[in-house]
């Protein structure tokens, strides 16, 4: 089951990052650039922010793949988990900074 989740999340992350079939454009138009009640669109409403969030999805997928593969082949599974974890941590820092930048720009 973890393998299936990892494959699905990795595939979604790749599709969104590469904008295959216009998936990223559609998601930005229909979801991330729409206001949430009283909240205006945030960091994911622009291409840079959307790519960071797509990278977070991809990192979670890679981590899940590593978790699933660690039972069969420990070196590859562990490497994927470390890669996914480091990528997630780095992209999270960038996403938080981007959200703060967007929030401060809206307050002006």
PDB file of N, CA and C in Angstrom:
ATOM      1  N   UNK A   1       0.816  -1.189   0.000  1.00  0.00           N
ATOM      2  CA  UNK A   1       0.000   0.000   0.000  1.00  0.00           C
ATOM      3  C   UNK A   1       0.864   1.259   0.000  1.00  0.00           C
ATOM      4  N   UNK A   2       1.938   1.256   0.770  1.00  0.00           N
ATOM      5  CA  UNK A   2       2.833   2.409   0.814  1.00  0.00           C
ATOM      6  C   UNK A   2       3.482   2.613  -0.559  1.00  0.00           C
ATOM      7  N   UNK A   3       3.777   1.515  -1.236  1.00  0.00           N
ATOM      8  CA  UNK A   3       4.357   1.605  -2.576  1.00  0.00           C
ATOM      9  C   UNK A   3       3.389   2.283  -3.539  1.00  0.00           C
ATOM     10  N   UNK A   4       2.121   1.928  -3.467  1.00  0.00           N
ATOM     11  CA  UNK A   4       1.108   2.530  -4.339  1.00  0.00           C
ATOM     12  C   UNK A   4       0.991   4.031  -4.064  1.00  0.00           C
ATOM     13  N   UNK A   5       0.933   4.408  -2.798  1.00  0.00           N
ATOM     14  CA  UNK A   5       0.852   5.825  -2.435  1.00  0.00           C
ATOM     15  C   UNK A   5       2.096   6.562  -2.938  1.00  0.00           C
ATOM     16  N   UNK A   6       3.259   5.964  -2.767  1.00  0.00           N
ATOM     17  CA  UNK A   6       4.498   6.582  -3.234  1.00  0.00           C
ATOM     18  C   UNK A   6       4.517   6.786  -4.740  1.00  0.00           C
ATOM     19  N   UNK A   7       4.084   5.785  -5.475  1.00  0.00           N
ATOM     20  CA  UNK A   7       4.056   5.892  -6.935  1.00  0.00           C
ATOM     21  C   UNK A   7       3.068   6.975  -7.366  1.00  0.00           C
ATOM     22  N   UNK A   8       1.887   7.002  -6.751  1.00  0.00           N
ATOM     23  CA  UNK A   8       0.871   7.990  -7.120  1.00  0.00           C
ATOM     24  C   UNK A   8       1.349   9.407  -6.809  1.00  0.00           C
ATOM     25  N   UNK A   9       1.871   9.641  -5.607  1.00  0.00           N
ATOM     26  CA  UNK A   9       2.333  10.979  -5.246  1.00  0.00           C
ATOM     27  C   UNK A   9       3.534  11.423  -6.080  1.00  0.00           C
ATOM     28  N   UNK A  10       4.426  10.500  -6.380  1.00  0.00           N
ATOM     29  CA  UNK A  10       5.568  10.827  -7.229  1.00  0.00           C
ATOM     30  C   UNK A  10       5.094  11.195  -8.627  1.00  0.00           C
ATOM     31  N   UNK A  11       4.159  10.437  -9.151  1.00  0.00           N
ATOM     32  CA  UNK A  11       3.624  10.718 -10.487  1.00  0.00           C
ATOM     33  C   UNK A  11       2.916  12.076 -10.514  1.00  0.00           C
ATOM     34  N   UNK A  12       2.117  12.361  -9.505  1.00  0.00           N
ATOM     35  CA  UNK A  12       1.422  13.654  -9.436  1.00  0.00           C
ATOM     36  C   UNK A  12       2.432  14.801  -9.358  1.00  0.00           C
ATOM     37  N   UNK A  13       3.455  14.642  -8.526  1.00  0.00           N
ATOM     38  CA  UNK A  13       4.483  15.675  -8.401  1.00  0.00           C
ATOM     39  C   UNK A  13       5.197  15.937  -9.717  1.00  0.00           C
ATOM     40  N   UNK A  14       5.534  14.879 -10.444  1.00  0.00           N
ATOM     41  CA  UNK A  14       6.215  15.030 -11.733  1.00  0.00           C
ATOM     42  C   UNK A  14       5.298  15.704 -12.754  1.00  0.00           C
ATOM     43  N   UNK A  15       4.038  15.272 -12.806  1.00  0.00           N
ATOM     44  CA  UNK A  15       3.077  15.864 -13.743  1.00  0.00           C
ATOM     45  C   UNK A  15       2.905  17.353 -13.472  1.00  0.00           C
ATOM     46  N   UNK A  16       2.804  17.728 -12.207  1.00  0.00           N
ATOM     47  CA  UNK A  16       2.629  19.140 -11.861  1.00  0.00           C
ATOM     48  C   UNK A  16       3.896  19.958 -12.120  1.00  0.00           C
ATOM     49  N   UNK A  17       5.047  19.408 -11.798  1.00  0.00           N
ATOM     50  CA  UNK A  17       6.302  20.135 -12.028  1.00  0.00           C
ATOM     51  C   UNK A  17       6.572  20.355 -13.511  1.00  0.00           C
ATOM     52  N   UNK A  18       6.280  19.352 -14.329  1.00  0.00           N
ATOM     53  CA  UNK A  18       6.534  19.454 -15.762  1.00  0.00           C
ATOM     54  C   UNK A  18       5.357  20.054 -16.525  1.00  0.00           C
ATOM     55  N   UNK A  19       4.256  20.312 -15.831  1.00  0.00           N
ATOM     56  CA  UNK A  19       3.040  20.867 -16.433  1.00  0.00           C
ATOM     57  C   UNK A  19       2.565  20.005 -17.600  1.00  0.00           C
ATOM     58  N   UNK A  20       2.600  18.708 -17.428  1.00  0.00           N
ATOM     59  CA  UNK A  20       2.176  17.783 -18.475  1.00  0.00           C
ATOM     60  C   UNK A  20       0.684  17.924 -18.729  1.00  0.00           C
ATOM     61  N   UNK A  21       0.332  18.114 -19.974  1.00  0.00           N
ATOM     62  CA  UNK A  21      -1.070  18.267 -20.347  1.00  0.00           C
ATOM     63  C   UNK A  21      -1.711  19.524 -19.787  1.00  0.00           C
ATOM     64  N   UNK A  22      -0.904  20.466 -19.360  1.00  0.00           N
ATOM     65  CA  UNK A  22      -1.442  21.699 -18.790  1.00  0.00           C
ATOM     66  C   UNK A  22      -2.024  21.513 -17.394  1.00  0.00           C
ATOM     67  N   UNK A  23      -1.623  20.434 -16.706  1.00  0.00           N
ATOM     68  CA  UNK A  23      -2.166  20.127 -15.374  1.00  0.00           C
ATOM     69  C   UNK A  23      -1.859  21.222 -14.359  1.00  0.00           C
ATOM     70  N   UNK A  24      -0.646  21.739 -14.391  1.00  0.00           N
ATOM     71  CA  UNK A  24      -0.273  22.784 -13.430  1.00  0.00           C
ATOM     72  C   UNK A  24      -1.037  24.070 -13.714  1.00  0.00           C
ATOM     73  N   UNK A  25      -1.166  24.418 -14.987  1.00  0.00           N
ATOM     74  CA  UNK A  25      -1.918  25.624 -15.339  1.00  0.00           C
ATOM     75  C   UNK A  25      -3.366  25.515 -14.885  1.00  0.00           C
ATOM     76  N   UNK A  26      -3.966  24.347 -15.102  1.00  0.00           N
ATOM     77  CA  UNK A  26      -5.352  24.126 -14.693  1.00  0.00           C
ATOM     78  C   UNK A  26      -5.498  24.208 -13.170  1.00  0.00           C
ATOM     79  N   UNK A  27      -4.580  23.567 -12.452  1.00  0.00           N
ATOM     80  CA  UNK A  27      -4.645  23.593 -10.986  1.00  0.00           C
ATOM     81  C   UNK A  27      -4.460  25.012 -10.461  1.00  0.00           C
ATOM     82  N   UNK A  28      -3.556  25.762 -11.068  1.00  0.00           N
ATOM     83  CA  UNK A  28      -3.347  27.148 -10.632  1.00  0.00           C
ATOM     84  C   UNK A  28      -4.588  27.988 -10.917  1.00  0.00           C
ATOM     85  N   UNK A  29      -5.173  27.797 -12.080  1.00  0.00           N
ATOM     86  CA  UNK A  29      -6.349  28.592 -12.458  1.00  0.00           C
ATOM     87  C   UNK A  29      -7.564  28.255 -11.599  1.00  0.00           C
ATOM     88  N   UNK A  30      -7.794  26.950 -11.366  1.00  0.00           N
ATOM     89  CA  UNK A  30      -9.006  26.511 -10.683  1.00  0.00           C
ATOM     90  C   UNK A  30      -8.898  26.444  -9.168  1.00  0.00           C
ATOM     91  N   UNK A  31      -7.682  26.290  -8.642  1.00  0.00           N
ATOM     92  CA  UNK A  31      -7.541  26.042  -7.205  1.00  0.00           C
ATOM     93  C   UNK A  31      -6.697  27.113  -6.509  1.00  0.00           C
ATOM     94  N   UNK A  32      -5.433  27.204  -6.865  1.00  0.00           N
ATOM     95  CA  UNK A  32      -4.518  28.007  -6.051  1.00  0.00           C
ATOM     96  C   UNK A  32      -4.658  29.507  -6.240  1.00  0.00           C
ATOM     97  N   UNK A  33      -5.230  29.967  -7.347  1.00  0.00           N
ATOM     98  CA  UNK A  33      -5.368  31.410  -7.536  1.00  0.00           C
ATOM     99  C   UNK A  33      -6.739  31.927  -7.108  1.00  0.00           C
ATOM    100  N   UNK A  34      -7.547  31.063  -6.509  1.00  0.00           N
ATOM    101  CA  UNK A  34      -8.868  31.452  -6.022  1.00  0.00           C
ATOM    102  C   UNK A  34      -8.786  31.835  -4.547  1.00  0.00           C
ATOM    103  N   UNK A  35      -9.530  32.863  -4.149  1.00  0.00           N
ATOM    104  CA  UNK A  35      -9.538  33.221  -2.726  1.00  0.00           C
ATOM    105  C   UNK A  35     -10.226  32.140  -1.889  1.00  0.00           C
ATOM    106  N   UNK A  36      -9.767  31.995  -0.670  1.00  0.00           N
ATOM    107  CA  UNK A  36     -10.353  31.048   0.277  1.00  0.00           C
ATOM    108  C   UNK A  36     -11.183  31.842   1.281  1.00  0.00           C
ATOM    109  N   UNK A  37     -12.417  32.081   0.952  1.00  0.00           N
ATOM    110  CA  UNK A  37     -13.252  32.886   1.840  1.00  0.00           C
ATOM    111  C   UNK A  37     -12.689  34.285   1.952  1.00  0.00           C
ATOM    112  N   UNK A  38     -12.244  34.651   3.148  1.00  0.00           N
ATOM    113  CA  UNK A  38     -11.668  35.974   3.389  1.00  0.00           C
ATOM    114  C   UNK A  38     -10.193  36.049   3.006  1.00  0.00           C
ATOM    115  N   UNK A  39      -9.561  34.894   2.824  1.00  0.00           N
ATOM    116  CA  UNK A  39      -8.128  34.868   2.531  1.00  0.00           C
ATOM    117  C   UNK A  39      -7.876  35.018   1.033  1.00  0.00           C
ATOM    118  N   UNK A  40      -7.000  35.936   0.642  1.00  0.00           N
ATOM    119  CA  UNK A  40      -6.654  36.060  -0.771  1.00  0.00           C
ATOM    120  C   UNK A  40      -5.731  34.909  -1.192  1.00  0.00           C
ATOM    121  N   UNK A  41      -5.530  34.723  -2.487  1.00  0.00           N
ATOM    122  CA  UNK A  41      -4.604  33.683  -2.951  1.00  0.00           C
ATOM    123  C   UNK A  41      -3.210  33.898  -2.360  1.00  0.00           C
ATOM    124  N   UNK A  42      -2.523  32.824  -2.091  1.00  0.00           N
ATOM    125  CA  UNK A  42      -1.209  32.903  -1.465  1.00  0.00           C
ATOM    126  C   UNK A  42      -0.069  32.633  -2.422  1.00  0.00           C
ATOM    127  N   UNK A  43       0.997  32.081  -1.891  1.00  0.00           N
ATOM    128  CA  UNK A  43       2.244  31.838  -2.611  1.00  0.00           C
ATOM    129  C   UNK A  43       2.057  30.876  -3.777  1.00  0.00           C
ATOM    130  N   UNK A  44       1.153  29.934  -3.672  1.00  0.00           N
ATOM    131  CA  UNK A  44       0.956  28.936  -4.731  1.00  0.00           C
ATOM    132  C   UNK A  44       0.187  29.492  -5.919  1.00  0.00           C
ATOM    133  N   UNK A  45      -0.208  30.751  -5.879  1.00  0.00           N
ATOM    134  CA  UNK A  45      -0.935  31.346  -6.992  1.00  0.00           C
ATOM    135  C   UNK A  45       0.001  31.772  -8.122  1.00  0.00           C
ATOM    136  N   UNK A  46       1.310  31.758  -7.888  1.00  0.00           N
ATOM    137  CA  UNK A  46       2.248  32.075  -8.970  1.00  0.00           C
ATOM    138  C   UNK A  46       3.067  30.829  -9.309  1.00  0.00           C
ATOM    139  N   UNK A  47       3.742  30.866 -10.437  1.00  0.00           N
ATOM    140  CA  UNK A  47       4.468  29.684 -10.929  1.00  0.00           C
ATOM    141  C   UNK A  47       5.547  29.232  -9.951  1.00  0.00           C
ATOM    142  N   UNK A  48       6.312  30.169  -9.398  1.00  0.00           N
ATOM    143  CA  UNK A  48       7.384  29.802  -8.459  1.00  0.00           C
ATOM    144  C   UNK A  48       6.818  29.070  -7.242  1.00  0.00           C
ATOM    145  N   UNK A  49       5.783  29.639  -6.651  1.00  0.00           N
ATOM    146  CA  UNK A  49       5.183  29.022  -5.477  1.00  0.00           C
ATOM    147  C   UNK A  49       4.539  27.685  -5.788  1.00  0.00           C
ATOM    148  N   UNK A  50       3.881  27.608  -6.928  1.00  0.00           N
ATOM    149  CA  UNK A  50       3.247  26.350  -7.306  1.00  0.00           C
ATOM    150  C   UNK A  50       4.283  25.252  -7.485  1.00  0.00           C
ATOM    151  N   UNK A  51       5.417  25.596  -8.111  1.00  0.00           N
ATOM    152  CA  UNK A  51       6.467  24.594  -8.293  1.00  0.00           C
ATOM    153  C   UNK A  51       7.053  24.124  -6.969  1.00  0.00           C
ATOM    154  N   UNK A  52       7.131  25.016  -5.985  1.00  0.00           N
ATOM    155  CA  UNK A  52       7.629  24.611  -4.666  1.00  0.00           C
ATOM    156  C   UNK A  52       6.664  23.612  -4.032  1.00  0.00           C
ATOM    157  N   UNK A  53       5.365  23.899  -4.112  1.00  0.00           N
ATOM    158  CA  UNK A  53       4.393  22.976  -3.534  1.00  0.00           C
ATOM    159  C   UNK A  53       4.338  21.652  -4.295  1.00  0.00           C
ATOM    160  N   UNK A  54       4.538  21.689  -5.609  1.00  0.00           N
ATOM    161  CA  UNK A  54       4.614  20.450  -6.389  1.00  0.00           C
ATOM    162  C   UNK A  54       5.845  19.647  -5.975  1.00  0.00           C
ATOM    163  N   UNK A  55       6.932  20.350  -5.658  1.00  0.00           N
ATOM    164  CA  UNK A  55       8.145  19.679  -5.177  1.00  0.00           C
ATOM    165  C   UNK A  55       7.889  19.010  -3.828  1.00  0.00           C
ATOM    166  N   UNK A  56       7.092  19.649  -2.977  1.00  0.00           N
ATOM    167  CA  UNK A  56       6.738  19.027  -1.694  1.00  0.00           C
ATOM    168  C   UNK A  56       5.966  17.724  -1.915  1.00  0.00           C
ATOM    169  N   UNK A  57       5.032  17.727  -2.855  1.00  0.00           N
ATOM    170  CA  UNK A  57       4.274  16.507  -3.162  1.00  0.00           C
ATOM    171  C   UNK A  57       5.220  15.433  -3.679  1.00  0.00           C
ATOM    172  N   UNK A  58       6.125  15.821  -4.571  1.00  0.00           N
ATOM    173  CA  UNK A  58       7.101  14.869  -5.111  1.00  0.00           C
ATOM    174  C   UNK A  58       7.993  14.314  -4.004  1.00  0.00           C
ATOM    175  N   UNK A  59       8.430  15.164  -3.087  1.00  0.00           N
ATOM    176  CA  UNK A  59       9.301  14.713  -1.991  1.00  0.00           C
ATOM    177  C   UNK A  59       8.592  13.702  -1.094  1.00  0.00           C
ATOM    178  N   UNK A  60       7.325  13.936  -0.821  1.00  0.00           N
ATOM    179  CA  UNK A  60       6.560  12.978  -0.009  1.00  0.00           C
ATOM    180  C   UNK A  60       6.446  11.651  -0.754  1.00  0.00           C
ATOM    181  N   UNK A  61       6.220  11.722  -2.063  1.00  0.00           N
ATOM    182  CA  UNK A  61       6.139  10.501  -2.866  1.00  0.00           C
ATOM    183  C   UNK A  61       7.444   9.733  -2.879  1.00  0.00           C
ATOM    184  N   UNK A  62       8.566  10.436  -3.020  1.00  0.00           N
ATOM    185  CA  UNK A  62       9.877   9.785  -3.028  1.00  0.00           C
ATOM    186  C   UNK A  62      10.157   9.152  -1.663  1.00  0.00           C
ATOM    187  N   UNK A  63       9.794   9.842  -0.591  1.00  0.00           N
ATOM    188  CA  UNK A  63       9.974   9.278   0.752  1.00  0.00           C
ATOM    189  C   UNK A  63       9.148   7.994   0.911  1.00  0.00           C
ATOM    190  N   UNK A  64       7.892   8.029   0.449  1.00  0.00           N
ATOM    191  CA  UNK A  64       7.038   6.844   0.557  1.00  0.00           C
ATOM    192  C   UNK A  64       7.583   5.699  -0.293  1.00  0.00           C
ATOM    193  N   UNK A  65       8.092   6.015  -1.480  1.00  0.00           N
ATOM    194  CA  UNK A  65       8.720   4.973  -2.303  1.00  0.00           C
ATOM    195  C   UNK A  65       9.907   4.354  -1.569  1.00  0.00           C
ATOM    196  N   UNK A  66      10.727   5.197  -0.962  1.00  0.00           N
ATOM    197  CA  UNK A  66      11.872   4.694  -0.207  1.00  0.00           C
ATOM    198  C   UNK A  66      11.453   3.820   0.958  1.00  0.00           C
ATOM    199  N   UNK A  67      10.388   4.232   1.632  1.00  0.00           N
ATOM    200  CA  UNK A  67       9.875   3.444   2.752  1.00  0.00           C
ATOM    201  C   UNK A  67       9.414   2.070   2.281  1.00  0.00           C
ATOM    202  N   UNK A  68       8.752   2.037   1.141  1.00  0.00           N
ATOM    203  CA  UNK A  68       8.269   0.762   0.602  1.00  0.00           C
ATOM    204  C   UNK A  68       9.426  -0.108   0.109  1.00  0.00           C
ATOM    205  N   UNK A  69      10.410   0.507  -0.524  1.00  0.00           N
ATOM    206  CA  UNK A  69      11.526  -0.263  -1.080  1.00  0.00           C
ATOM    207  C   UNK A  69      12.531  -0.705  -0.024  1.00  0.00           C
ATOM    208  N   UNK A  70      12.543  -0.062   1.130  1.00  0.00           N
ATOM    209  CA  UNK A  70      13.498  -0.415   2.186  1.00  0.00           C
ATOM    210  C   UNK A  70      13.306  -1.853   2.657  1.00  0.00           C
ATOM    211  N   UNK A  71      12.108  -2.378   2.519  1.00  0.00           N
ATOM    212  CA  UNK A  71      11.871  -3.771   2.904  1.00  0.00           C
ATOM    213  C   UNK A  71      12.502  -4.770   1.951  1.00  0.00           C
ATOM    214  N   UNK A  72      12.700  -4.358   0.695  1.00  0.00           N
ATOM    215  CA  UNK A  72      13.281  -5.262  -0.297  1.00  0.00           C
ATOM    216  C   UNK A  72      14.768  -5.035  -0.484  1.00  0.00           C
ATOM    217  N   UNK A  73      15.150  -3.759  -0.565  1.00  0.00           N
ATOM    218  CA  UNK A  73      16.554  -3.434  -0.802  1.00  0.00           C
ATOM    219  C   UNK A  73      16.898  -2.190   0.013  1.00  0.00           C
ATOM    220  N   UNK A  74      17.523  -2.410   1.146  1.00  0.00           N
ATOM    221  CA  UNK A  74      17.746  -1.362   2.139  1.00  0.00           C
ATOM    222  C   UNK A  74      18.538  -0.161   1.614  1.00  0.00           C
ATOM    223  N   UNK A  75      19.642  -0.347   0.879  1.00  0.00           N
ATOM    224  CA  UNK A  75      20.407   0.843   0.458  1.00  0.00           C
ATOM    225  C   UNK A  75      19.600   1.808  -0.428  1.00  0.00           C
ATOM    226  N   UNK A  76      18.871   1.285  -1.377  1.00  0.00           N
ATOM    227  CA  UNK A  76      18.085   2.163  -2.260  1.00  0.00           C
ATOM    228  C   UNK A  76      16.920   2.774  -1.489  1.00  0.00           C
ATOM    229  N   UNK A  77      16.245   1.983  -0.685  1.00  0.00           N
ATOM    230  CA  UNK A  77      15.131   2.502   0.103  1.00  0.00           C
ATOM    231  C   UNK A  77      15.554   3.602   1.047  1.00  0.00           C
ATOM    232  N   UNK A  78      16.662   3.401   1.732  1.00  0.00           N
ATOM    233  CA  UNK A  78      17.165   4.403   2.666  1.00  0.00           C
ATOM    234  C   UNK A  78      17.587   5.670   1.926  1.00  0.00           C
ATOM    235  N   UNK A  79      18.242   5.497   0.789  1.00  0.00           N
ATOM    236  CA  UNK A  79      18.665   6.655  -0.007  1.00  0.00           C
ATOM    237  C   UNK A  79      17.471   7.479  -0.464  1.00  0.00           C
ATOM    238  N   UNK A  80      16.407   6.828  -0.906  1.00  0.00           N
ATOM    239  CA  UNK A  80      15.210   7.544  -1.336  1.00  0.00           C
ATOM    240  C   UNK A  80      14.542   8.260  -0.161  1.00  0.00           C
ATOM    241  N   UNK A  81      14.530   7.626   0.999  1.00  0.00           N
ATOM    242  CA  UNK A  81      13.941   8.276   2.174  1.00  0.00           C
ATOM    243  C   UNK A  81      14.739   9.519   2.565  1.00  0.00           C
ATOM    244  N   UNK A  82      16.053   9.423   2.542  1.00  0.00           N
ATOM    245  CA  UNK A  82      16.897  10.575   2.876  1.00  0.00           C
ATOM    246  C   UNK A  82      16.709  11.677   1.840  1.00  0.00           C
ATOM    247  N   UNK A  83      16.711  11.312   0.557  1.00  0.00           N
ATOM    248  CA  UNK A  83      16.509  12.296  -0.509  1.00  0.00           C
ATOM    249  C   UNK A  83      15.153  12.985  -0.373  1.00  0.00           C
ATOM    250  N   UNK A  84      14.110  12.214  -0.123  1.00  0.00           N
ATOM    251  CA  UNK A  84      12.776  12.784   0.055  1.00  0.00           C
ATOM    252  C   UNK A  84      12.702  13.684   1.277  1.00  0.00           C
ATOM    253  N   UNK A  85      13.326  13.269   2.360  1.00  0.00           N
ATOM    254  CA  UNK A  85      13.308  14.073   3.594  1.00  0.00           C
ATOM    255  C   UNK A  85      14.055  15.379   3.449  1.00  0.00           C
ATOM    256  N   UNK A  86      15.228  15.338   2.838  1.00  0.00           N
ATOM    257  CA  UNK A  86      16.017  16.559   2.646  1.00  0.00           C
ATOM    258  C   UNK A  86      15.300  17.510   1.693  1.00  0.00           C
ATOM    259  N   UNK A  87      14.743  16.956   0.619  1.00  0.00           N
ATOM    260  CA  UNK A  87      14.011  17.782  -0.341  1.00  0.00           C
ATOM    261  C   UNK A  87      12.794  18.415   0.313  1.00  0.00           C
ATOM    262  N   UNK A  88      12.080  17.642   1.127  1.00  0.00           N
ATOM    263  CA  UNK A  88      10.907  18.163   1.817  1.00  0.00           C
ATOM    264  C   UNK A  88      11.291  19.298   2.765  1.00  0.00           C
ATOM    265  N   UNK A  89      12.363  19.100   3.512  1.00  0.00           N
ATOM    266  CA  UNK A  89      12.796  20.132   4.460  1.00  0.00           C
ATOM    267  C   UNK A  89      13.194  21.416   3.732  1.00  0.00           C
ATOM    268  N   UNK A  90      13.967  21.295   2.675  1.00  0.00           N
ATOM    269  CA  UNK A  90      14.391  22.475   1.926  1.00  0.00           C
ATOM    270  C   UNK A  90      13.223  23.194   1.265  1.00  0.00           C
ATOM    271  N   UNK A  91      12.336  22.434   0.635  1.00  0.00           N
ATOM    272  CA  UNK A  91      11.176  23.046  -0.028  1.00  0.00           C
ATOM    273  C   UNK A  91      10.232  23.672   0.998  1.00  0.00           C
ATOM    274  N   UNK A  92      10.136  23.095   2.182  1.00  0.00           N
ATOM    275  CA  UNK A  92       9.285  23.669   3.240  1.00  0.00           C
ATOM    276  C   UNK A  92       9.790  25.034   3.669  1.00  0.00           C
ATOM    277  N   UNK A  93      11.109  25.160   3.818  1.00  0.00           N
ATOM    278  CA  UNK A  93      11.692  26.446   4.206  1.00  0.00           C
ATOM    279  C   UNK A  93      11.397  27.493   3.130  1.00  0.00           C
ATOM    280  N   UNK A  94      11.566  27.115   1.866  1.00  0.00           N
ATOM    281  CA  UNK A  94      11.297  28.043   0.760  1.00  0.00           C
ATOM    282  C   UNK A  94       9.816  28.411   0.719  1.00  0.00           C
ATOM    283  N   UNK A  95       8.934  27.427   0.936  1.00  0.00           N
ATOM    284  CA  UNK A  95       7.486  27.693   0.909  1.00  0.00           C
ATOM    285  C   UNK A  95       7.082  28.637   2.041  1.00  0.00           C
ATOM    286  N   UNK A  96       7.621  28.434   3.234  1.00  0.00           N
ATOM    287  CA  UNK A  96       7.290  29.310   4.360  1.00  0.00           C
ATOM    288  C   UNK A  96       7.788  30.734   4.083  1.00  0.00           C
ATOM    289  N   UNK A  97       8.993  30.852   3.574  1.00  0.00           N
ATOM    290  CA  UNK A  97       9.525  32.177   3.234  1.00  0.00           C
ATOM    291  C   UNK A  97       8.677  32.836   2.150  1.00  0.00           C
ATOM    292  N   UNK A  98       8.254  32.069   1.167  1.00  0.00           N
ATOM    293  CA  UNK A  98       7.415  32.606   0.102  1.00  0.00           C
ATOM    294  C   UNK A  98       6.054  33.049   0.591  1.00  0.00           C
ATOM    295  N   UNK A  99       5.474  32.268   1.489  1.00  0.00           N
ATOM    296  CA  UNK A  99       4.177  32.652   2.059  1.00  0.00           C
ATOM    297  C   UNK A  99       4.298  33.941   2.876  1.00  0.00           C
ATOM    298  N   UNK A 100       5.387  34.071   3.639  1.00  0.00           N
ATOM    299  CA  UNK A 100       5.608  35.307   4.409  1.00  0.00           C
ATOM    300  C   UNK A 100       5.794  36.501   3.477  1.00  0.00           C
ATOM    301  N   UNK A 101       6.551  36.305   2.419  1.00  0.00           N
ATOM    302  CA  UNK A 101       6.764  37.371   1.424  1.00  0.00           C
ATOM    303  C   UNK A 101       5.437  37.784   0.786  1.00  0.00           C
ATOM    304  N   UNK A 102       4.616  36.817   0.440  1.00  0.00           N
ATOM    305  CA  UNK A 102       3.302  37.105  -0.164  1.00  0.00           C
ATOM    306  C   UNK A 102       2.407  37.828   0.825  1.00  0.00           C
ATOM    307  N   UNK A 103       2.401  37.383   2.064  1.00  0.00           N
ATOM    308  CA  UNK A 103       1.573  38.013   3.093  1.00  0.00           C
ATOM    309  C   UNK A 103       1.992  39.460   3.320  1.00  0.00           C
ATOM    310  N   UNK A 104       3.287  39.695   3.409  1.00  0.00           N
ATOM    311  CA  UNK A 104       3.774  41.059   3.633  1.00  0.00           C
ATOM    312  C   UNK A 104       3.446  41.965   2.451  1.00  0.00           C
ATOM    313  N   UNK A 105       3.505  41.434   1.227  1.00  0.00           N
ATOM    314  CA  UNK A 105       3.154  42.227   0.045  1.00  0.00           C
ATOM    315  C   UNK A 105       1.677  42.585   0.041  1.00  0.00           C
ATOM    316  N   UNK A 106       0.825  41.715   0.559  1.00  0.00           N
ATOM    317  CA  UNK A 106      -0.610  41.979   0.601  1.00  0.00           C
ATOM    318  C   UNK A 106      -0.962  43.034   1.647  1.00  0.00           C
ATOM    319  N   UNK A 107      -0.172  43.113   2.709  1.00  0.00           N
ATOM    320  CA  UNK A 107      -0.438  44.064   3.793  1.00  0.00           C
ATOM    321  C   UNK A 107      -0.106  45.502   3.408  1.00  0.00           C
ATOM    322  N   UNK A 108       0.697  45.661   2.366  1.00  0.00           N
ATOM    323  CA  UNK A 108       1.106  47.021   1.957  1.00  0.00           C
ATOM    324  C   UNK A 108       0.026  47.707   1.216  1.00  0.00           C
TER     325      UNK A 108
END
